[in-house]
Amino acid sequence: MSTAGCIIFLGPSLPRGQAEAILNADYRAPAGQGDIIRAVAARPAAIGLIDGIFKDAPTVRHREILWALSQGIPVFGASSMGALRAAELSDHGMIGVGLIYRWFRRFDLLSDDAVAVTHGPADLGAPGLSDALVDIRRSLRAGVRQGLITPQEAAAHLKRITSQPFPDRRIPDTLAACAVHQKATDARALLGQMADHQRRADWLTPDLPQPPVIHAWLDDLHDSGLKLAGFND
């Protein structure tokens, strides 16, 4: 078992300061293609995938998460890209945390952009510049429960917002007082669970065979400036 710390990919789902108060870790910008392989090279005790790149560059690949698991490194996912990948790979040993992960597991037709947001520069902590559809849905329901809007108004808001590209989506200003930030809640849950494992030093080592190394994946790694030892020229 590794005695190193954890590596967490975090961006707009939760402010860095709040995350660091829960788990002492190596926090990195939202993950894109190749970033999990770079994390594996550091031999961390575990990897936490919260935020990932959706639009501006190639996304984190399923195969590199399987590679991390095959190297005996636990991989946790929640909130955003982490919830999506965990739902897709939970049968292979990736550990999903939180409500959004459970939604993706249960509802096969839930779109990937339900958790997507646009964010600011990574060196500023990748602050969120839009709201995720999952948070907007929860906020609309809260607004109805609290009598701030009618069910008909909530349905109209949802139809309008869903039709927009994800960078343009916002929780309506009238719901600011009852806005629900489920992505942040799930991110805190993931960090709390990892902090418990770190404190107890009881990480479960994944038991997954090494995935086949195929040329398409090697091409992806090459495009990311990476070489996988023993497989690249």
C-alpha atoms as a PDB file:
ATOM      1  CA  MET A   1       0.000   0.000   0.000  1.00  0.00           C
ATOM      2  CA  SER A   2       1.288   3.447  -0.891  1.00  0.00           C
ATOM      3  CA  THR A   3       2.235   5.783   1.942  1.00  0.00           C
ATOM      4  CA  ALA A   4       1.974   8.802  -0.350  1.00  0.00           C
ATOM      5  CA  GLY A   5      -0.862  11.292  -0.210  1.00  0.00           C
ATOM      6  CA  CYS A   6      -3.892  11.617  -2.453  1.00  0.00           C
ATOM      7  CA  ILE A   7      -4.223  13.429  -5.748  1.00  0.00           C
ATOM      8  CA  ILE A   8      -7.522  15.249  -6.334  1.00  0.00           C
ATOM      9  CA  PHE A   9      -8.726  16.786  -9.597  1.00  0.00           C
ATOM     10  CA  LEU A  10     -10.848  19.753  -8.564  1.00  0.00           C
ATOM     11  CA  GLY A  11     -12.208  22.851 -10.241  1.00  0.00           C
ATOM     12  CA  PRO A  12     -15.536  24.682 -10.100  1.00  0.00           C
ATOM     13  CA  SER A  13     -17.453  22.111  -8.041  1.00  0.00           C
ATOM     14  CA  LEU A  14     -15.936  23.261  -4.745  1.00  0.00           C
ATOM     15  CA  PRO A  15     -13.612  26.106  -3.737  1.00  0.00           C
ATOM     16  CA  ARG A  16     -10.069  24.895  -3.082  1.00  0.00           C
ATOM     17  CA  GLY A  17     -10.016  26.311   0.446  1.00  0.00           C
ATOM     18  CA  GLN A  18     -13.094  24.336   1.457  1.00  0.00           C
ATOM     19  CA  ALA A  19     -11.601  21.171  -0.027  1.00  0.00           C
ATOM     20  CA  GLU A  20      -8.281  21.586   1.772  1.00  0.00           C
ATOM     21  CA  ALA A  21     -10.131  21.952   5.072  1.00  0.00           C
ATOM     22  CA  ILE A  22     -11.525  18.433   4.553  1.00  0.00           C
ATOM     23  CA  LEU A  23      -8.593  16.572   3.012  1.00  0.00           C
ATOM     24  CA  ASN A  24      -4.898  17.379   2.858  1.00  0.00           C
ATOM     25  CA  ALA A  25      -3.989  16.372  -0.690  1.00  0.00           C
ATOM     26  CA  ASP A  26      -2.257  17.325  -3.913  1.00  0.00           C
ATOM     27  CA  TYR A  27      -4.988  19.342  -5.656  1.00  0.00           C
ATOM     28  CA  ARG A  28      -4.777  19.614  -9.416  1.00  0.00           C
ATOM     29  CA  ALA A  29      -6.807  21.352 -12.118  1.00  0.00           C
ATOM     30  CA  PRO A  30      -9.777  19.606 -13.776  1.00  0.00           C
ATOM     31  CA  ALA A  31      -8.583  16.419 -15.442  1.00  0.00           C
ATOM     32  CA  GLY A  32      -8.196  16.024 -19.155  1.00  0.00           C
ATOM     33  CA  GLN A  33      -6.754  13.350 -21.377  1.00  0.00           C
ATOM     34  CA  GLY A  34      -3.537  11.972 -19.903  1.00  0.00           C
ATOM     35  CA  ASP A  35      -3.834  13.556 -16.460  1.00  0.00           C
ATOM     36  CA  ILE A  36      -4.733  10.311 -14.675  1.00  0.00           C
ATOM     37  CA  ILE A  37      -1.644   8.670 -16.211  1.00  0.00           C
ATOM     38  CA  ARG A  38       0.462  11.549 -14.873  1.00  0.00           C
ATOM     39  CA  ALA A  39      -1.114  11.038 -11.457  1.00  0.00           C
ATOM     40  CA  VAL A  40      -0.356   7.295 -11.511  1.00  0.00           C
ATOM     41  CA  ALA A  41       3.325   8.091 -12.103  1.00  0.00           C
ATOM     42  CA  ALA A  42       3.395   9.812  -8.687  1.00  0.00           C
ATOM     43  CA  ARG A  43       2.148   6.593  -7.005  1.00  0.00           C
ATOM     44  CA  PRO A  44      -0.475   8.292  -4.804  1.00  0.00           C
ATOM     45  CA  ALA A  45      -2.398   6.440  -2.122  1.00  0.00           C
ATOM     46  CA  ALA A  46      -5.587   7.222  -4.068  1.00  0.00           C
ATOM     47  CA  ILE A  47      -6.944   9.460  -6.815  1.00  0.00           C
ATOM     48  CA  GLY A  48     -10.103  11.539  -6.506  1.00  0.00           C
ATOM     49  CA  LEU A  49     -11.741  12.695  -9.728  1.00  0.00           C
ATOM     50  CA  ILE A  50     -14.229  15.505  -9.143  1.00  0.00           C
ATOM     51  CA  ASP A  51     -13.896  17.904 -12.054  1.00  0.00           C
ATOM     52  CA  GLY A  52     -12.761  17.251 -15.590  1.00  0.00           C
ATOM     53  CA  ILE A  53     -12.510  19.061 -18.879  1.00  0.00           C
ATOM     54  CA  PHE A  54     -15.681  18.895 -20.969  1.00  0.00           C
ATOM     55  CA  LYS A  55     -15.174  21.229 -23.908  1.00  0.00           C
ATOM     56  CA  ASP A  56     -11.824  22.953 -24.328  1.00  0.00           C
ATOM     57  CA  ALA A  57      -9.622  19.848 -24.691  1.00  0.00           C
ATOM     58  CA  PRO A  58      -9.969  16.036 -24.859  1.00  0.00           C
ATOM     59  CA  THR A  59     -11.644  14.582 -21.783  1.00  0.00           C
ATOM     60  CA  VAL A  60     -10.121  12.109 -19.348  1.00  0.00           C
ATOM     61  CA  ARG A  61     -10.239   8.661 -20.926  1.00  0.00           C
ATOM     62  CA  HIS A  62     -11.906   5.597 -19.406  1.00  0.00           C
ATOM     63  CA  ARG A  63      -8.868   3.487 -20.218  1.00  0.00           C
ATOM     64  CA  GLU A  64      -6.496   5.612 -18.152  1.00  0.00           C
ATOM     65  CA  ILE A  65      -8.760   5.210 -15.118  1.00  0.00           C
ATOM     66  CA  LEU A  66      -8.745   1.449 -15.702  1.00  0.00           C
ATOM     67  CA  TRP A  67      -4.950   1.686 -15.960  1.00  0.00           C
ATOM     68  CA  ALA A  68      -4.771   3.409 -12.564  1.00  0.00           C
ATOM     69  CA  LEU A  69      -6.976   0.723 -11.018  1.00  0.00           C
ATOM     70  CA  SER A  70      -4.838  -2.021 -12.544  1.00  0.00           C
ATOM     71  CA  GLN A  71      -1.798  -0.437 -10.879  1.00  0.00           C
ATOM     72  CA  GLY A  72      -3.449  -0.925  -7.471  1.00  0.00           C
ATOM     73  CA  ILE A  73      -4.462   2.711  -6.979  1.00  0.00           C
ATOM     74  CA  PRO A  74      -8.033   3.328  -5.741  1.00  0.00           C
ATOM     75  CA  VAL A  75      -9.915   5.877  -7.848  1.00  0.00           C
ATOM     76  CA  PHE A  76     -12.906   7.768  -6.433  1.00  0.00           C
ATOM     77  CA  GLY A  77     -15.369   9.840  -8.430  1.00  0.00           C
ATOM     78  CA  ALA A  78     -18.129  12.296  -7.591  1.00  0.00           C
ATOM     79  CA  SER A  79     -19.934  15.487  -8.449  1.00  0.00           C
ATOM     80  CA  SER A  80     -19.073  16.205 -12.067  1.00  0.00           C
ATOM     81  CA  MET A  81     -16.855  14.318 -14.514  1.00  0.00           C
ATOM     82  CA  GLY A  82     -15.975  12.088 -11.560  1.00  0.00           C
ATOM     83  CA  ALA A  83     -19.607  11.059 -11.078  1.00  0.00           C
ATOM     84  CA  LEU A  84     -20.006  10.349 -14.775  1.00  0.00           C
ATOM     85  CA  ARG A  85     -16.872   8.217 -15.043  1.00  0.00           C
ATOM     86  CA  ALA A  86     -17.619   6.396 -11.771  1.00  0.00           C
ATOM     87  CA  ALA A  87     -21.095   5.461 -13.005  1.00  0.00           C
ATOM     88  CA  GLU A  88     -19.557   4.076 -16.186  1.00  0.00           C
ATOM     89  CA  LEU A  89     -16.708   2.234 -14.438  1.00  0.00           C
ATOM     90  CA  SER A  90     -18.133   1.185 -11.073  1.00  0.00           C
ATOM     91  CA  ASP A  91     -18.369  -2.418 -12.262  1.00  0.00           C
ATOM     92  CA  HIS A  92     -14.603  -2.287 -12.808  1.00  0.00           C
ATOM     93  CA  GLY A  93     -13.778  -0.992  -9.343  1.00  0.00           C
ATOM     94  CA  MET A  94     -13.997   2.811  -9.530  1.00  0.00           C
ATOM     95  CA  ILE A  95     -15.686   4.067  -6.367  1.00  0.00           C
ATOM     96  CA  GLY A  96     -18.599   6.460  -6.866  1.00  0.00           C
ATOM     97  CA  VAL A  97     -19.804   8.823  -4.162  1.00  0.00           C
ATOM     98  CA  GLY A  98     -22.869  11.028  -3.853  1.00  0.00           C
ATOM     99  CA  LEU A  99     -26.313  11.663  -5.267  1.00  0.00           C
ATOM    100  CA  ILE A 100     -25.196  12.704  -8.759  1.00  0.00           C
ATOM    101  CA  TYR A 101     -23.198   9.492  -9.140  1.00  0.00           C
ATOM    102  CA  ARG A 102     -26.270   7.500  -8.137  1.00  0.00           C
ATOM    103  CA  TRP A 103     -28.367   9.416 -10.695  1.00  0.00           C
ATOM    104  CA  PHE A 104     -25.943   8.562 -13.476  1.00  0.00           C
ATOM    105  CA  ARG A 105     -26.002   4.898 -12.399  1.00  0.00           C
ATOM    106  CA  ARG A 106     -29.799   4.797 -12.309  1.00  0.00           C
ATOM    107  CA  PHE A 107     -30.771   6.904 -15.291  1.00  0.00           C
ATOM    108  CA  ASP A 108     -29.010   5.684 -18.430  1.00  0.00           C
ATOM    109  CA  LEU A 109     -30.286   8.586 -20.530  1.00  0.00           C
ATOM    110  CA  LEU A 110     -29.065  11.364 -18.218  1.00  0.00           C
ATOM    111  CA  SER A 111     -26.957  13.536 -20.508  1.00  0.00           C
ATOM    112  CA  ASP A 112     -23.265  14.186 -19.838  1.00  0.00           C
ATOM    113  CA  ASP A 113     -23.816  17.943 -19.946  1.00  0.00           C
ATOM    114  CA  ALA A 114     -26.114  17.716 -16.913  1.00  0.00           C
ATOM    115  CA  VAL A 115     -23.003  18.322 -14.789  1.00  0.00           C
ATOM    116  CA  ALA A 116     -21.013  20.471 -17.222  1.00  0.00           C
ATOM    117  CA  VAL A 117     -20.155  24.090 -16.457  1.00  0.00           C
ATOM    118  CA  THR A 118     -17.757  26.614 -17.881  1.00  0.00           C
ATOM    119  CA  HIS A 119     -15.030  27.859 -15.559  1.00  0.00           C
ATOM    120  CA  GLY A 120     -12.257  30.380 -15.188  1.00  0.00           C
ATOM    121  CA  PRO A 121      -8.481  29.807 -15.432  1.00  0.00           C
ATOM    122  CA  ALA A 122      -6.981  26.858 -13.586  1.00  0.00           C
ATOM    123  CA  ASP A 123      -4.403  29.086 -11.879  1.00  0.00           C
ATOM    124  CA  LEU A 124      -7.288  30.935 -10.227  1.00  0.00           C
ATOM    125  CA  GLY A 125      -8.849  27.703  -8.986  1.00  0.00           C
ATOM    126  CA  ALA A 126     -11.062  27.198 -12.064  1.00  0.00           C
ATOM    127  CA  PRO A 127     -14.002  29.114 -10.557  1.00  0.00           C
ATOM    128  CA  GLY A 128     -17.418  28.265 -11.974  1.00  0.00           C
ATOM    129  CA  LEU A 129     -18.877  30.736 -14.479  1.00  0.00           C
ATOM    130  CA  SER A 130     -22.168  28.916 -15.081  1.00  0.00           C
ATOM    131  CA  ASP A 131     -24.435  26.520 -13.179  1.00  0.00           C
ATOM    132  CA  ALA A 132     -24.835  22.794 -13.778  1.00  0.00           C
ATOM    133  CA  LEU A 133     -28.208  21.485 -14.864  1.00  0.00           C
ATOM    134  CA  VAL A 134     -28.285  19.103 -11.893  1.00  0.00           C
ATOM    135  CA  ASP A 135     -27.990  22.076  -9.522  1.00  0.00           C
ATOM    136  CA  ILE A 136     -30.573  24.063 -11.495  1.00  0.00           C
ATOM    137  CA  ARG A 137     -33.084  21.195 -11.304  1.00  0.00           C
ATOM    138  CA  ARG A 138     -32.598  20.862  -7.548  1.00  0.00           C
ATOM    139  CA  SER A 139     -32.902  24.626  -7.089  1.00  0.00           C
ATOM    140  CA  LEU A 140     -36.134  24.775  -9.096  1.00  0.00           C
ATOM    141  CA  ARG A 141     -37.642  22.025  -6.962  1.00  0.00           C
ATOM    142  CA  ALA A 142     -36.553  23.852  -3.808  1.00  0.00           C
ATOM    143  CA  GLY A 143     -38.151  27.037  -5.131  1.00  0.00           C
ATOM    144  CA  VAL A 144     -41.448  25.231  -5.674  1.00  0.00           C
ATOM    145  CA  ARG A 145     -41.360  23.680  -2.194  1.00  0.00           C
ATOM    146  CA  GLN A 146     -40.717  27.076  -0.619  1.00  0.00           C
ATOM    147  CA  GLY A 147     -43.437  28.789  -2.638  1.00  0.00           C
ATOM    148  CA  LEU A 148     -41.067  31.104  -4.502  1.00  0.00           C
ATOM    149  CA  ILE A 149     -42.266  29.864  -7.905  1.00  0.00           C
ATOM    150  CA  THR A 150     -45.142  27.740  -9.148  1.00  0.00           C
ATOM    151  CA  PRO A 151     -44.660  24.281 -10.668  1.00  0.00           C
ATOM    152  CA  GLN A 152     -45.626  25.775 -14.032  1.00  0.00           C
ATOM    153  CA  GLU A 153     -42.976  28.479 -13.716  1.00  0.00           C
ATOM    154  CA  ALA A 154     -40.386  25.877 -12.716  1.00  0.00           C
ATOM    155  CA  ALA A 155     -41.246  23.763 -15.779  1.00  0.00           C
ATOM    156  CA  ALA A 156     -40.951  26.813 -18.054  1.00  0.00           C
ATOM    157  CA  HIS A 157     -37.586  27.750 -16.529  1.00  0.00           C
ATOM    158  CA  LEU A 158     -36.314  24.188 -16.952  1.00  0.00           C
ATOM    159  CA  LYS A 159     -37.415  23.976 -20.583  1.00  0.00           C
ATOM    160  CA  ARG A 160     -35.727  27.287 -21.397  1.00  0.00           C
ATOM    161  CA  ILE A 161     -32.504  26.521 -19.532  1.00  0.00           C
ATOM    162  CA  THR A 162     -32.190  22.986 -20.877  1.00  0.00           C
ATOM    163  CA  SER A 163     -32.349  24.316 -24.423  1.00  0.00           C
ATOM    164  CA  GLN A 164     -29.344  26.569 -23.781  1.00  0.00           C
ATOM    165  CA  PRO A 165     -25.692  25.528 -24.257  1.00  0.00           C
ATOM    166  CA  PHE A 166     -24.229  24.575 -20.889  1.00  0.00           C
ATOM    167  CA  PRO A 167     -21.954  27.667 -20.647  1.00  0.00           C
ATOM    168  CA  ASP A 168     -25.095  29.866 -20.661  1.00  0.00           C
ATOM    169  CA  ARG A 169     -27.027  28.053 -17.945  1.00  0.00           C
ATOM    170  CA  ARG A 170     -27.718  29.908 -14.691  1.00  0.00           C
ATOM    171  CA  ILE A 171     -29.907  29.364 -11.639  1.00  0.00           C
ATOM    172  CA  PRO A 172     -32.638  32.036 -11.901  1.00  0.00           C
ATOM    173  CA  ASP A 173     -31.915  35.082  -9.745  1.00  0.00           C
ATOM    174  CA  THR A 174     -35.278  34.682  -8.010  1.00  0.00           C
ATOM    175  CA  LEU A 175     -34.015  31.392  -6.529  1.00  0.00           C
ATOM    176  CA  ALA A 176     -30.763  32.713  -5.075  1.00  0.00           C
ATOM    177  CA  ALA A 177     -32.058  32.286  -1.535  1.00  0.00           C
ATOM    178  CA  CYS A 178     -32.827  28.596  -2.031  1.00  0.00           C
ATOM    179  CA  ALA A 179     -30.169  27.602  -4.557  1.00  0.00           C
ATOM    180  CA  VAL A 180     -29.021  23.999  -4.159  1.00  0.00           C
ATOM    181  CA  HIS A 181     -25.387  23.195  -4.960  1.00  0.00           C
ATOM    182  CA  GLN A 182     -25.483  19.412  -5.180  1.00  0.00           C
ATOM    183  CA  LYS A 183     -22.141  19.203  -6.944  1.00  0.00           C
ATOM    184  CA  ALA A 184     -20.446  20.903  -3.988  1.00  0.00           C
ATOM    185  CA  THR A 185     -22.253  18.611  -1.542  1.00  0.00           C
ATOM    186  CA  ASP A 186     -21.098  15.519  -3.400  1.00  0.00           C
ATOM    187  CA  ALA A 187     -17.544  16.828  -3.695  1.00  0.00           C
ATOM    188  CA  ARG A 188     -17.405  17.315   0.075  1.00  0.00           C
ATOM    189  CA  ALA A 189     -18.741  13.780   0.557  1.00  0.00           C
ATOM    190  CA  LEU A 190     -15.993  12.326  -1.638  1.00  0.00           C
ATOM    191  CA  LEU A 191     -13.278  14.250   0.189  1.00  0.00           C
ATOM    192  CA  GLY A 192     -14.705  13.232   3.552  1.00  0.00           C
ATOM    193  CA  GLN A 193     -14.745   9.567   2.579  1.00  0.00           C
ATOM    194  CA  MET A 194     -11.167   9.756   1.317  1.00  0.00           C
ATOM    195  CA  ALA A 195     -10.089  11.589   4.477  1.00  0.00           C
ATOM    196  CA  ASP A 196     -11.543   8.746   6.563  1.00  0.00           C
ATOM    197  CA  HIS A 197      -9.565   6.181   4.570  1.00  0.00           C
ATOM    198  CA  GLN A 198      -6.419   8.299   4.836  1.00  0.00           C
ATOM    199  CA  ARG A 199      -6.784   8.628   8.588  1.00  0.00           C
ATOM    200  CA  ARG A 200      -7.341   4.886   9.050  1.00  0.00           C
ATOM    201  CA  ALA A 201      -4.806   3.883   6.370  1.00  0.00           C
ATOM    202  CA  ASP A 202      -7.269   1.266   5.134  1.00  0.00           C
ATOM    203  CA  TRP A 203      -7.335   1.862   1.373  1.00  0.00           C
ATOM    204  CA  LEU A 204      -8.706  -1.122  -0.528  1.00  0.00           C
ATOM    205  CA  THR A 205      -6.353  -2.164  -3.311  1.00  0.00           C
ATOM    206  CA  PRO A 206      -8.231  -2.602  -6.597  1.00  0.00           C
ATOM    207  CA  ASP A 207      -7.978  -6.036  -8.182  1.00  0.00           C
ATOM    208  CA  LEU A 208      -8.211  -5.340 -11.891  1.00  0.00           C
ATOM    209  CA  PRO A 209      -6.165  -6.840 -14.719  1.00  0.00           C
ATOM    210  CA  GLN A 210      -4.142  -4.423 -16.776  1.00  0.00           C
ATOM    211  CA  PRO A 211      -6.291  -3.233 -19.703  1.00  0.00           C
ATOM    212  CA  PRO A 212      -5.014  -4.096 -23.178  1.00  0.00           C
ATOM    213  CA  VAL A 213      -2.808  -1.388 -24.597  1.00  0.00           C
ATOM    214  CA  ILE A 214      -4.201  -0.511 -28.024  1.00  0.00           C
ATOM    215  CA  HIS A 215      -2.810   1.779 -30.684  1.00  0.00           C
ATOM    216  CA  ALA A 216      -5.668   4.282 -30.379  1.00  0.00           C
ATOM    217  CA  TRP A 217      -4.820   4.782 -26.705  1.00  0.00           C
ATOM    218  CA  LEU A 218      -1.129   5.149 -27.440  1.00  0.00           C
ATOM    219  CA  ASP A 219      -2.042   7.802 -29.989  1.00  0.00           C
ATOM    220  CA  ASP A 220      -4.057   9.612 -27.291  1.00  0.00           C
ATOM    221  CA  LEU A 221      -1.095   9.456 -24.911  1.00  0.00           C
ATOM    222  CA  HIS A 222       1.241  10.730 -27.592  1.00  0.00           C
ATOM    223  CA  ASP A 223      -1.128  13.649 -28.270  1.00  0.00           C
ATOM    224  CA  SER A 224      -1.007  14.424 -24.539  1.00  0.00           C
ATOM    225  CA  GLY A 225       2.791  14.409 -24.513  1.00  0.00           C
ATOM    226  CA  LEU A 226       2.982  11.135 -22.618  1.00  0.00           C
ATOM    227  CA  LYS A 227       4.746   7.819 -23.035  1.00  0.00           C
ATOM    228  CA  LEU A 228       3.632   4.654 -21.293  1.00  0.00           C
ATOM    229  CA  ALA A 229       6.748   2.765 -20.224  1.00  0.00           C
ATOM    230  CA  GLY A 230       7.306  -0.367 -22.261  1.00  0.00           C
ATOM    231  CA  PHE A 231       4.695   0.368 -24.900  1.00  0.00           C
ATOM    232  CA  ASN A 232       5.819   3.506 -26.711  1.00  0.00           C
ATOM    233  CA  ASP A 233       8.737   3.758 -29.090  1.00  0.00           C
END
